[in-house]
C-alpha atoms as a PDB file:
ATOM      1  CA  MET A   1       6.305 -24.548  15.268  1.00  0.00           C
ATOM      2  CA  GLY A   2       8.702 -27.413  14.592  1.00  0.00           C
ATOM      3  CA  ARG A   3      12.253 -26.445  13.737  1.00  0.00           C
ATOM      4  CA  VAL A   4      11.394 -22.745  13.516  1.00  0.00           C
ATOM      5  CA  THR A   5      11.880 -22.313  17.288  1.00  0.00           C
ATOM      6  CA  GLU A   6      13.884 -24.050  20.006  1.00  0.00           C
ATOM      7  CA  ARG A   7      13.553 -24.026  23.790  1.00  0.00           C
ATOM      8  CA  ARG A   8      16.359 -22.998  26.155  1.00  0.00           C
ATOM      9  CA  ARG A   9      16.434 -22.254  29.860  1.00  0.00           C
ATOM     10  CA  VAL A  10      17.095 -18.654  30.812  1.00  0.00           C
ATOM     11  CA  VAL A  11      17.791 -16.878  34.090  1.00  0.00           C
ATOM     12  CA  ARG A  12      15.388 -13.960  34.255  1.00  0.00           C
ATOM     13  CA  LEU A  13      16.179 -10.864  36.291  1.00  0.00           C
ATOM     14  CA  ARG A  14      13.261  -8.566  37.136  1.00  0.00           C
ATOM     15  CA  ASP A  15      13.360  -5.698  39.651  1.00  0.00           C
ATOM     16  CA  GLY A  16      15.693  -7.447  42.086  1.00  0.00           C
ATOM     17  CA  ARG A  17      14.084 -10.862  41.626  1.00  0.00           C
ATOM     18  CA  ARG A  18      15.677 -13.842  39.903  1.00  0.00           C
ATOM     19  CA  ASP A  19      14.100 -17.005  38.506  1.00  0.00           C
ATOM     20  CA  THR A  20      14.783 -19.689  35.898  1.00  0.00           C
ATOM     21  CA  ARG A  21      12.348 -20.441  33.136  1.00  0.00           C
ATOM     22  CA  PRO A  22      12.227 -21.868  29.592  1.00  0.00           C
ATOM     23  CA  ASP A  23      12.357 -19.434  26.696  1.00  0.00           C
ATOM     24  CA  ALA A  24      11.632 -19.792  22.982  1.00  0.00           C
ATOM     25  CA  LEU A  25      14.425 -18.857  20.578  1.00  0.00           C
ATOM     26  CA  ALA A  26      14.470 -18.571  16.798  1.00  0.00           C
ATOM     27  CA  ALA A  27      16.236 -21.536  15.219  1.00  0.00           C
ATOM     28  CA  GLU A  28      19.213 -20.894  12.973  1.00  0.00           C
ATOM     29  CA  GLU A  29      20.760 -23.590  10.786  1.00  0.00           C
ATOM     30  CA  PRO A  30      22.902 -23.645   7.635  1.00  0.00           C
ATOM     31  CA  LEU A  31      21.331 -24.269   4.254  1.00  0.00           C
ATOM     32  CA  GLU A  32      23.487 -25.274   1.316  1.00  0.00           C
ATOM     33  CA  ILE A  33      22.059 -24.269  -2.055  1.00  0.00           C
ATOM     34  CA  ARG A  34      23.075 -26.430  -4.997  1.00  0.00           C
ATOM     35  CA  VAL A  35      22.259 -26.164  -8.695  1.00  0.00           C
ATOM     36  CA  GLY A  36      22.502 -29.393 -10.643  1.00  0.00           C
ATOM     37  CA  GLY A  37      24.423 -30.969  -7.785  1.00  0.00           C
ATOM     38  CA  ARG A  38      27.015 -28.186  -7.704  1.00  0.00           C
ATOM     39  CA  SER A  39      27.318 -26.047  -4.576  1.00  0.00           C
ATOM     40  CA  LEU A  40      26.251 -22.454  -5.223  1.00  0.00           C
ATOM     41  CA  ALA A  41      25.968 -20.817  -1.806  1.00  0.00           C
ATOM     42  CA  MET A  42      25.547 -21.414   1.912  1.00  0.00           C
ATOM     43  CA  THR A  43      23.223 -19.308   4.046  1.00  0.00           C
ATOM     44  CA  MET A  44      22.284 -19.315   7.707  1.00  0.00           C
ATOM     45  CA  ARG A  45      18.501 -19.353   7.949  1.00  0.00           C
ATOM     46  CA  THR A  46      15.502 -20.247  10.063  1.00  0.00           C
ATOM     47  CA  PRO A  47      14.374 -23.680   8.806  1.00  0.00           C
ATOM     48  CA  GLY A  48      11.066 -23.723   6.960  1.00  0.00           C
ATOM     49  CA  ASP A  49       9.917 -22.660   3.496  1.00  0.00           C
ATOM     50  CA  ASP A  50      13.330 -23.726   2.220  1.00  0.00           C
ATOM     51  CA  PHE A  51      12.165 -24.295  -1.366  1.00  0.00           C
ATOM     52  CA  ASP A  52      10.742 -20.766  -1.404  1.00  0.00           C
ATOM     53  CA  LEU A  53      14.050 -19.434  -0.083  1.00  0.00           C
ATOM     54  CA  VAL A  54      16.076 -21.176  -2.787  1.00  0.00           C
ATOM     55  CA  ALA A  55      13.668 -20.127  -5.537  1.00  0.00           C
ATOM     56  CA  GLY A  56      13.776 -16.500  -4.375  1.00  0.00           C
ATOM     57  CA  TYR A  57      17.561 -16.567  -4.129  1.00  0.00           C
ATOM     58  CA  LEU A  58      17.775 -17.774  -7.740  1.00  0.00           C
ATOM     59  CA  VAL A  59      15.421 -14.985  -8.854  1.00  0.00           C
ATOM     60  CA  ALA A  60      17.662 -12.410  -7.161  1.00  0.00           C
ATOM     61  CA  GLU A  61      20.707 -13.936  -8.846  1.00  0.00           C
ATOM     62  CA  GLY A  62      19.021 -13.625 -12.253  1.00  0.00           C
ATOM     63  CA  VAL A  63      19.084 -17.395 -12.798  1.00  0.00           C
ATOM     64  CA  VAL A  64      15.295 -17.918 -13.024  1.00  0.00           C
ATOM     65  CA  ALA A  65      12.272 -15.721 -13.701  1.00  0.00           C
ATOM     66  CA  SER A  66       9.352 -18.179 -13.805  1.00  0.00           C
ATOM     67  CA  GLY A  67       8.299 -21.588 -12.599  1.00  0.00           C
ATOM     68  CA  GLU A  68       9.228 -23.065 -15.982  1.00  0.00           C
ATOM     69  CA  ASP A  69      12.825 -22.013 -15.344  1.00  0.00           C
ATOM     70  CA  LEU A  70      12.889 -24.064 -12.138  1.00  0.00           C
ATOM     71  CA  PRO A  71      11.369 -27.505 -12.807  1.00  0.00           C
ATOM     72  CA  THR A  72      12.710 -29.299  -9.710  1.00  0.00           C
ATOM     73  CA  LEU A  73      13.670 -28.565  -6.122  1.00  0.00           C
ATOM     74  CA  ARG A  74      14.603 -31.383  -3.764  1.00  0.00           C
ATOM     75  CA  TYR A  75      16.279 -32.026  -0.441  1.00  0.00           C
ATOM     76  CA  CYS A  76      19.586 -33.883  -0.657  1.00  0.00           C
ATOM     77  CA  ALA A  77      21.476 -36.022   1.794  1.00  0.00           C
ATOM     78  CA  GLY A  78      22.590 -33.889   4.683  1.00  0.00           C
ATOM     79  CA  THR A  79      22.924 -36.053   7.765  1.00  0.00           C
ATOM     80  CA  ASN A  80      23.801 -35.592  11.410  1.00  0.00           C
ATOM     81  CA  ALA A  81      25.853 -37.872  13.667  1.00  0.00           C
ATOM     82  CA  GLU A  82      22.862 -40.179  14.050  1.00  0.00           C
ATOM     83  CA  GLY A  83      22.516 -40.531  10.285  1.00  0.00           C
ATOM     84  CA  GLU A  84      19.253 -38.552  10.197  1.00  0.00           C
ATOM     85  CA  ASN A  85      18.508 -36.190   7.306  1.00  0.00           C
ATOM     86  CA  THR A  86      18.968 -32.613   8.499  1.00  0.00           C
ATOM     87  CA  TYR A  87      17.119 -31.132   5.495  1.00  0.00           C
ATOM     88  CA  ASN A  88      19.897 -28.574   5.238  1.00  0.00           C
ATOM     89  CA  VAL A  89      20.825 -29.167   1.584  1.00  0.00           C
ATOM     90  CA  VAL A  90      18.538 -28.206  -1.329  1.00  0.00           C
ATOM     91  CA  ASP A  91      19.402 -28.995  -4.942  1.00  0.00           C
ATOM     92  CA  ALA A  92      17.704 -27.048  -7.741  1.00  0.00           C
ATOM     93  CA  ARG A  93      17.446 -28.180 -11.342  1.00  0.00           C
ATOM     94  CA  VAL A  94      17.159 -25.200 -13.671  1.00  0.00           C
ATOM     95  CA  ALA A  95      15.940 -25.285 -17.248  1.00  0.00           C
ATOM     96  CA  ASP A  96      19.003 -23.411 -18.482  1.00  0.00           C
ATOM     97  CA  PRO A  97      22.173 -24.334 -16.552  1.00  0.00           C
ATOM     98  CA  THR A  98      24.136 -21.732 -18.542  1.00  0.00           C
ATOM     99  CA  ALA A  99      22.072 -19.057 -16.763  1.00  0.00           C
ATOM    100  CA  VAL A 100      24.301 -19.652 -13.741  1.00  0.00           C
ATOM    101  CA  PRO A 101      27.608 -17.899 -14.468  1.00  0.00           C
ATOM    102  CA  VAL A 102      30.724 -19.673 -13.274  1.00  0.00           C
ATOM    103  CA  SER A 103      31.492 -16.665 -11.060  1.00  0.00           C
ATOM    104  CA  ALA A 104      28.242 -17.279  -9.161  1.00  0.00           C
ATOM    105  CA  TYR A 105      29.651 -20.440  -7.592  1.00  0.00           C
ATOM    106  CA  ARG A 106      31.163 -18.475  -4.757  1.00  0.00           C
ATOM    107  CA  GLN A 107      31.533 -21.211  -2.157  1.00  0.00           C
ATOM    108  CA  LEU A 108      30.934 -18.540   0.503  1.00  0.00           C
ATOM    109  CA  LEU A 109      28.949 -18.352   3.693  1.00  0.00           C
ATOM    110  CA  THR A 110      26.043 -15.938   3.491  1.00  0.00           C
ATOM    111  CA  THR A 111      25.226 -15.039   7.087  1.00  0.00           C
ATOM    112  CA  SER A 112      21.790 -14.356   8.510  1.00  0.00           C
ATOM    113  CA  ALA A 113      22.860 -10.756   9.186  1.00  0.00           C
ATOM    114  CA  CYS A 114      23.311  -9.848   5.550  1.00  0.00           C
ATOM    115  CA  GLY A 115      23.292 -11.484   2.173  1.00  0.00           C
ATOM    116  CA  LEU A 116      25.823 -10.742  -0.525  1.00  0.00           C
ATOM    117  CA  CYS A 117      26.643  -7.386   1.035  1.00  0.00           C
ATOM    118  CA  GLY A 118      28.449  -5.002  -1.301  1.00  0.00           C
ATOM    119  CA  ALA A 119      28.611  -7.584  -4.081  1.00  0.00           C
ATOM    120  CA  GLU A 120      26.846  -5.368  -6.605  1.00  0.00           C
ATOM    121  CA  THR A 121      26.815  -1.806  -7.874  1.00  0.00           C
ATOM    122  CA  VAL A 122      23.801   0.183  -9.039  1.00  0.00           C
ATOM    123  CA  ASP A 123      24.961  -0.107 -12.666  1.00  0.00           C
ATOM    124  CA  ALA A 124      25.499  -3.853 -12.376  1.00  0.00           C
ATOM    125  CA  VAL A 125      22.007  -4.409 -10.977  1.00  0.00           C
ATOM    126  CA  GLN A 126      20.396  -2.263 -13.677  1.00  0.00           C
ATOM    127  CA  LYS A 127      22.036  -4.342 -16.388  1.00  0.00           C
ATOM    128  CA  ARG A 128      20.518  -7.513 -14.932  1.00  0.00           C
ATOM    129  CA  LEU A 129      16.955  -6.233 -14.486  1.00  0.00           C
ATOM    130  CA  ARG A 130      14.272  -7.970 -16.535  1.00  0.00           C
ATOM    131  CA  TYR A 131      11.446  -5.546 -15.727  1.00  0.00           C
ATOM    132  CA  ASP A 132      10.792  -1.828 -16.185  1.00  0.00           C
ATOM    133  CA  LEU A 133       9.685  -0.680 -12.735  1.00  0.00           C
ATOM    134  CA  ALA A 134       9.251   2.920 -13.874  1.00  0.00           C
ATOM    135  CA  ALA A 135       6.447   1.802 -16.198  1.00  0.00           C
ATOM    136  CA  ASP A 136       4.503   0.065 -13.414  1.00  0.00           C
ATOM    137  CA  ASP A 137       1.204   1.901 -12.815  1.00  0.00           C
ATOM    138  CA  LEU A 138       0.787   0.936  -9.141  1.00  0.00           C
ATOM    139  CA  LYS A 139      -0.987   3.651  -7.134  1.00  0.00           C
ATOM    140  CA  ILE A 140      -1.901   3.379  -3.456  1.00  0.00           C
ATOM    141  CA  THR A 141      -3.238   5.768  -0.838  1.00  0.00           C
ATOM    142  CA  ALA A 142      -1.356   6.869   2.242  1.00  0.00           C
ATOM    143  CA  ASP A 143      -4.009   5.182   4.395  1.00  0.00           C
ATOM    144  CA  MET A 144      -3.383   1.874   2.638  1.00  0.00           C
ATOM    145  CA  LEU A 145       0.350   2.272   3.178  1.00  0.00           C
ATOM    146  CA  TYR A 146      -0.228   2.965   6.890  1.00  0.00           C
ATOM    147  CA  SER A 147      -2.149  -0.334   7.160  1.00  0.00           C
ATOM    148  CA  PHE A 148       0.814  -2.462   6.070  1.00  0.00           C
ATOM    149  CA  PRO A 149       2.678  -2.730   9.422  1.00  0.00           C
ATOM    150  CA  ASP A 150      -0.357  -3.972  11.391  1.00  0.00           C
ATOM    151  CA  ALA A 151      -1.274  -6.409   8.628  1.00  0.00           C
ATOM    152  CA  LEU A 152       2.271  -7.760   8.531  1.00  0.00           C
ATOM    153  CA  ARG A 153       2.365  -8.139  12.302  1.00  0.00           C
ATOM    154  CA  THR A 154      -0.682 -10.425  12.245  1.00  0.00           C
ATOM    155  CA  GLY A 155       1.363 -12.935  10.233  1.00  0.00           C
ATOM    156  CA  GLN A 156       4.490 -12.808  12.390  1.00  0.00           C
ATOM    157  CA  ARG A 157       3.906 -15.952  14.437  1.00  0.00           C
ATOM    158  CA  ALA A 158       7.572 -16.723  15.042  1.00  0.00           C
ATOM    159  CA  PHE A 159       8.286 -13.141  16.081  1.00  0.00           C
ATOM    160  CA  ALA A 160       5.396 -13.230  18.542  1.00  0.00           C
ATOM    161  CA  THR A 161       6.958 -16.318  20.126  1.00  0.00           C
ATOM    162  CA  THR A 162      10.643 -15.393  20.038  1.00  0.00           C
ATOM    163  CA  GLY A 163      11.013 -11.675  19.263  1.00  0.00           C
ATOM    164  CA  GLY A 164      14.037 -12.708  17.208  1.00  0.00           C
ATOM    165  CA  VAL A 165      13.098 -12.931  13.518  1.00  0.00           C
ATOM    166  CA  HIS A 166      12.533 -10.570  10.605  1.00  0.00           C
ATOM    167  CA  ALA A 167       9.476 -10.648   8.377  1.00  0.00           C
ATOM    168  CA  ALA A 168       8.539  -9.750   4.814  1.00  0.00           C
ATOM    169  CA  GLY A 169       5.012  -9.432   3.477  1.00  0.00           C
ATOM    170  CA  LEU A 170       3.657  -9.158  -0.061  1.00  0.00           C
ATOM    171  CA  PHE A 171       0.617  -6.922  -0.688  1.00  0.00           C
ATOM    172  CA  THR A 172      -1.673  -6.465  -3.683  1.00  0.00           C
ATOM    173  CA  ALA A 173      -2.535  -3.074  -5.166  1.00  0.00           C
ATOM    174  CA  GLU A 174      -5.770  -3.260  -3.130  1.00  0.00           C
ATOM    175  CA  GLY A 175      -3.829  -3.681   0.123  1.00  0.00           C
ATOM    176  CA  ARG A 176      -4.509  -7.406   0.596  1.00  0.00           C
ATOM    177  CA  LEU A 177      -1.746  -9.359   2.306  1.00  0.00           C
ATOM    178  CA  LEU A 178      -0.858 -12.353   0.120  1.00  0.00           C
ATOM    179  CA  CYS A 179       2.126 -13.912   1.846  1.00  0.00           C
ATOM    180  CA  VAL A 180       4.213 -13.508   5.005  1.00  0.00           C
ATOM    181  CA  ARG A 181       7.550 -15.196   5.591  1.00  0.00           C
ATOM    182  CA  GLU A 182       9.857 -14.966   8.617  1.00  0.00           C
ATOM    183  CA  ASP A 183      13.551 -15.661   9.111  1.00  0.00           C
ATOM    184  CA  VAL A 184      16.514 -14.660  11.238  1.00  0.00           C
ATOM    185  CA  GLY A 185      17.865 -12.997   8.091  1.00  0.00           C
ATOM    186  CA  ARG A 186      16.119 -10.054   6.428  1.00  0.00           C
ATOM    187  CA  HIS A 187      17.307 -11.169   3.011  1.00  0.00           C
ATOM    188  CA  ASN A 188      16.086 -14.725   3.619  1.00  0.00           C
ATOM    189  CA  ALA A 189      12.592 -13.523   4.536  1.00  0.00           C
ATOM    190  CA  VAL A 190      12.439 -11.551   1.272  1.00  0.00           C
ATOM    191  CA  ASP A 191      13.783 -14.504  -0.737  1.00  0.00           C
ATOM    192  CA  LYS A 192      11.091 -16.719   0.790  1.00  0.00           C
ATOM    193  CA  VAL A 193       8.328 -14.317  -0.254  1.00  0.00           C
ATOM    194  CA  ILE A 194       9.674 -13.913  -3.787  1.00  0.00           C
ATOM    195  CA  GLY A 195      10.254 -17.644  -4.101  1.00  0.00           C
ATOM    196  CA  TRP A 196       6.683 -18.317  -3.003  1.00  0.00           C
ATOM    197  CA  ALA A 197       5.457 -15.899  -5.675  1.00  0.00           C
ATOM    198  CA  LEU A 198       7.545 -17.618  -8.353  1.00  0.00           C
ATOM    199  CA  ARG A 199       6.249 -21.049  -7.368  1.00  0.00           C
ATOM    200  CA  GLU A 200       2.690 -19.648  -7.477  1.00  0.00           C
ATOM    201  CA  GLY A 201       3.228 -18.311 -10.997  1.00  0.00           C
ATOM    202  CA  LEU A 202       2.923 -14.649  -9.958  1.00  0.00           C
ATOM    203  CA  LEU A 203       6.214 -13.245 -11.267  1.00  0.00           C
ATOM    204  CA  PRO A 204       6.760 -10.531 -12.324  1.00  0.00           C
ATOM    205  CA  LEU A 205       5.095  -8.882  -9.348  1.00  0.00           C
ATOM    206  CA  HIS A 206       3.689  -5.859 -11.153  1.00  0.00           C
ATOM    207  CA  ARG A 207       1.347  -3.703  -9.060  1.00  0.00           C
ATOM    208  CA  HIS A 208       2.468  -5.315  -5.788  1.00  0.00           C
ATOM    209  CA  ALA A 209       4.172  -3.922  -2.694  1.00  0.00           C
ATOM    210  CA  LEU A 210       6.687  -5.515  -0.343  1.00  0.00           C
ATOM    211  CA  MET A 211       6.893  -4.637   3.364  1.00  0.00           C
ATOM    212  CA  VAL A 212       9.888  -5.596   5.518  1.00  0.00           C
ATOM    213  CA  SER A 213      10.162  -5.468   9.290  1.00  0.00           C
ATOM    214  CA  GLY A 214      13.674  -4.001   9.506  1.00  0.00           C
ATOM    215  CA  ARG A 215      15.723  -1.559   7.491  1.00  0.00           C
ATOM    216  CA  ALA A 216      15.820  -1.304   3.699  1.00  0.00           C
ATOM    217  CA  SER A 217      19.292  -2.260   2.538  1.00  0.00           C
ATOM    218  CA  PHE A 218      20.705  -2.124  -0.982  1.00  0.00           C
ATOM    219  CA  GLU A 219      20.313  -5.878  -1.415  1.00  0.00           C
ATOM    220  CA  LEU A 220      16.625  -5.833  -0.441  1.00  0.00           C
ATOM    221  CA  VAL A 221      15.939  -3.182  -3.077  1.00  0.00           C
ATOM    222  CA  GLN A 222      17.918  -5.338  -5.513  1.00  0.00           C
ATOM    223  CA  LYS A 223      15.863  -8.443  -4.715  1.00  0.00           C
ATOM    224  CA  ALA A 224      12.581  -6.565  -5.041  1.00  0.00           C
ATOM    225  CA  ALA A 225      13.666  -5.058  -8.357  1.00  0.00           C
ATOM    226  CA  MET A 226      14.683  -8.450  -9.767  1.00  0.00           C
ATOM    227  CA  ALA A 227      11.167  -9.726  -8.953  1.00  0.00           C
ATOM    228  CA  GLY A 228       9.477  -6.724 -10.596  1.00  0.00           C
ATOM    229  CA  ILE A 229       8.145  -5.218  -7.346  1.00  0.00           C
ATOM    230  CA  PRO A 230       7.540  -1.457  -7.762  1.00  0.00           C
ATOM    231  CA  LEU A 231       7.187  -0.507  -4.070  1.00  0.00           C
ATOM    232  CA  LEU A 232       9.289  -1.484  -1.064  1.00  0.00           C
ATOM    233  CA  ALA A 233       8.378  -0.251   2.424  1.00  0.00           C
ATOM    234  CA  ALA A 234      10.380  -0.733   5.614  1.00  0.00           C
ATOM    235  CA  VAL A 235       9.765  -0.155   9.297  1.00  0.00           C
ATOM    236  CA  SER A 236      13.224   1.345   9.674  1.00  0.00           C
ATOM    237  CA  ALA A 237      15.667   3.400   7.601  1.00  0.00           C
ATOM    238  CA  PRO A 238      17.033   2.755   4.118  1.00  0.00           C
ATOM    239  CA  SER A 239      20.703   3.060   3.265  1.00  0.00           C
ATOM    240  CA  ALA A 240      21.927   5.778   0.895  1.00  0.00           C
ATOM    241  CA  LEU A 241      22.827   3.178  -1.734  1.00  0.00           C
ATOM    242  CA  ALA A 242      19.362   1.630  -1.422  1.00  0.00           C
ATOM    243  CA  VAL A 243      17.823   5.025  -2.184  1.00  0.00           C
ATOM    244  CA  ASP A 244      20.143   5.449  -5.179  1.00  0.00           C
ATOM    245  CA  LEU A 245      19.165   2.054  -6.587  1.00  0.00           C
ATOM    246  CA  ALA A 246      15.439   2.659  -6.035  1.00  0.00           C
ATOM    247  CA  THR A 247      15.694   6.030  -7.767  1.00  0.00           C
ATOM    248  CA  GLU A 248      17.599   4.638 -10.755  1.00  0.00           C
ATOM    249  CA  THR A 249      15.258   1.667 -11.243  1.00  0.00           C
ATOM    250  CA  GLY A 250      11.982   3.581 -10.805  1.00  0.00           C
ATOM    251  CA  MET A 251      11.011   1.911  -7.528  1.00  0.00           C
ATOM    252  CA  THR A 252       9.073   3.616  -4.735  1.00  0.00           C
ATOM    253  CA  LEU A 253      11.051   3.305  -1.491  1.00  0.00           C
ATOM    254  CA  VAL A 254       9.433   4.031   1.878  1.00  0.00           C
ATOM    255  CA  GLY A 255      11.177   4.062   5.253  1.00  0.00           C
ATOM    256  CA  PHE A 256      10.174   4.574   8.885  1.00  0.00           C
ATOM    257  CA  LEU A 257       6.685   3.267   8.139  1.00  0.00           C
ATOM    258  CA  ARG A 258       5.092   3.193  11.572  1.00  0.00           C
ATOM    259  CA  ASP A 259       2.442   4.963  13.663  1.00  0.00           C
ATOM    260  CA  ARG A 260       0.676   6.360  10.580  1.00  0.00           C
ATOM    261  CA  SER A 261       3.748   8.158   9.308  1.00  0.00           C
ATOM    262  CA  ALA A 262       6.434   7.443   6.738  1.00  0.00           C
ATOM    263  CA  ASN A 263       9.336   8.910   4.796  1.00  0.00           C
ATOM    264  CA  VAL A 264       9.208   8.408   1.020  1.00  0.00           C
ATOM    265  CA  TYR A 265      12.754   8.406  -0.361  1.00  0.00           C
ATOM    266  CA  ALA A 266      11.974   7.635  -4.014  1.00  0.00           C
ATOM    267  CA  GLY A 267       8.923   7.382  -6.265  1.00  0.00           C
ATOM    268  CA  ALA A 268       6.537   9.458  -4.121  1.00  0.00           C
ATOM    269  CA  ASP A 269       4.147   9.894  -7.075  1.00  0.00           C
ATOM    270  CA  ARG A 270       2.820   6.358  -6.515  1.00  0.00           C
ATOM    271  CA  ILE A 271       1.323   7.354  -3.156  1.00  0.00           C
ATOM    272  CA  ALA A 272      -1.785   9.544  -3.151  1.00  0.00           C
END
């Protein structure tokens, strides 16, 4: 799996026995995101699908909304002690550089645990939305919703190997899984899915659903809303602020989706 996983030796303790064996771990490396050569953000991520990650990040920031807005993505010089390219710097050229507000150049480290946590309010996100989620006519059955976790799990190759990465999956209104992306960061996995959709010309993602393997935080609802996704489902719990944002934007928010059961925290009318 290339740079997605790394091998380390581990001392395993089992029922009074002890042995040493190799173990597969999820890789985690920094990625610097630049726009027009200017540093925008730094995130810790699992290498792979980096162009999708950057594209999805720019969608969430409100900088781009279609492939035409993002004509070029390229790796820049980022070298190690041996002078080899680390592929840890991506520069994006956007059609409208003024779409990136000066305040967006934060020069901060976005960890793999959370993205821009607490950086937004519900009102601020609503003002930036391009799409009316409340008008989206997506309807799915409960049985289709229950099928999402198993379908997502079939695409979680890195998780099957390491047990240490999150996943996000994009589904059609008919329940077909279109794309799965994995990363040590929940927000990165979602950015990779949304970035893939932008690069495929699918935005806005009307009548689509997004499933995530962890909890549903405020920022994941924000990212889904910025991409026009009307339904977000999570294996674990949402936060109170995530429920508030979903309610205000007209998104359906589902939590604890597992074992043919779920809690619907907002927009229950979309699920028959």
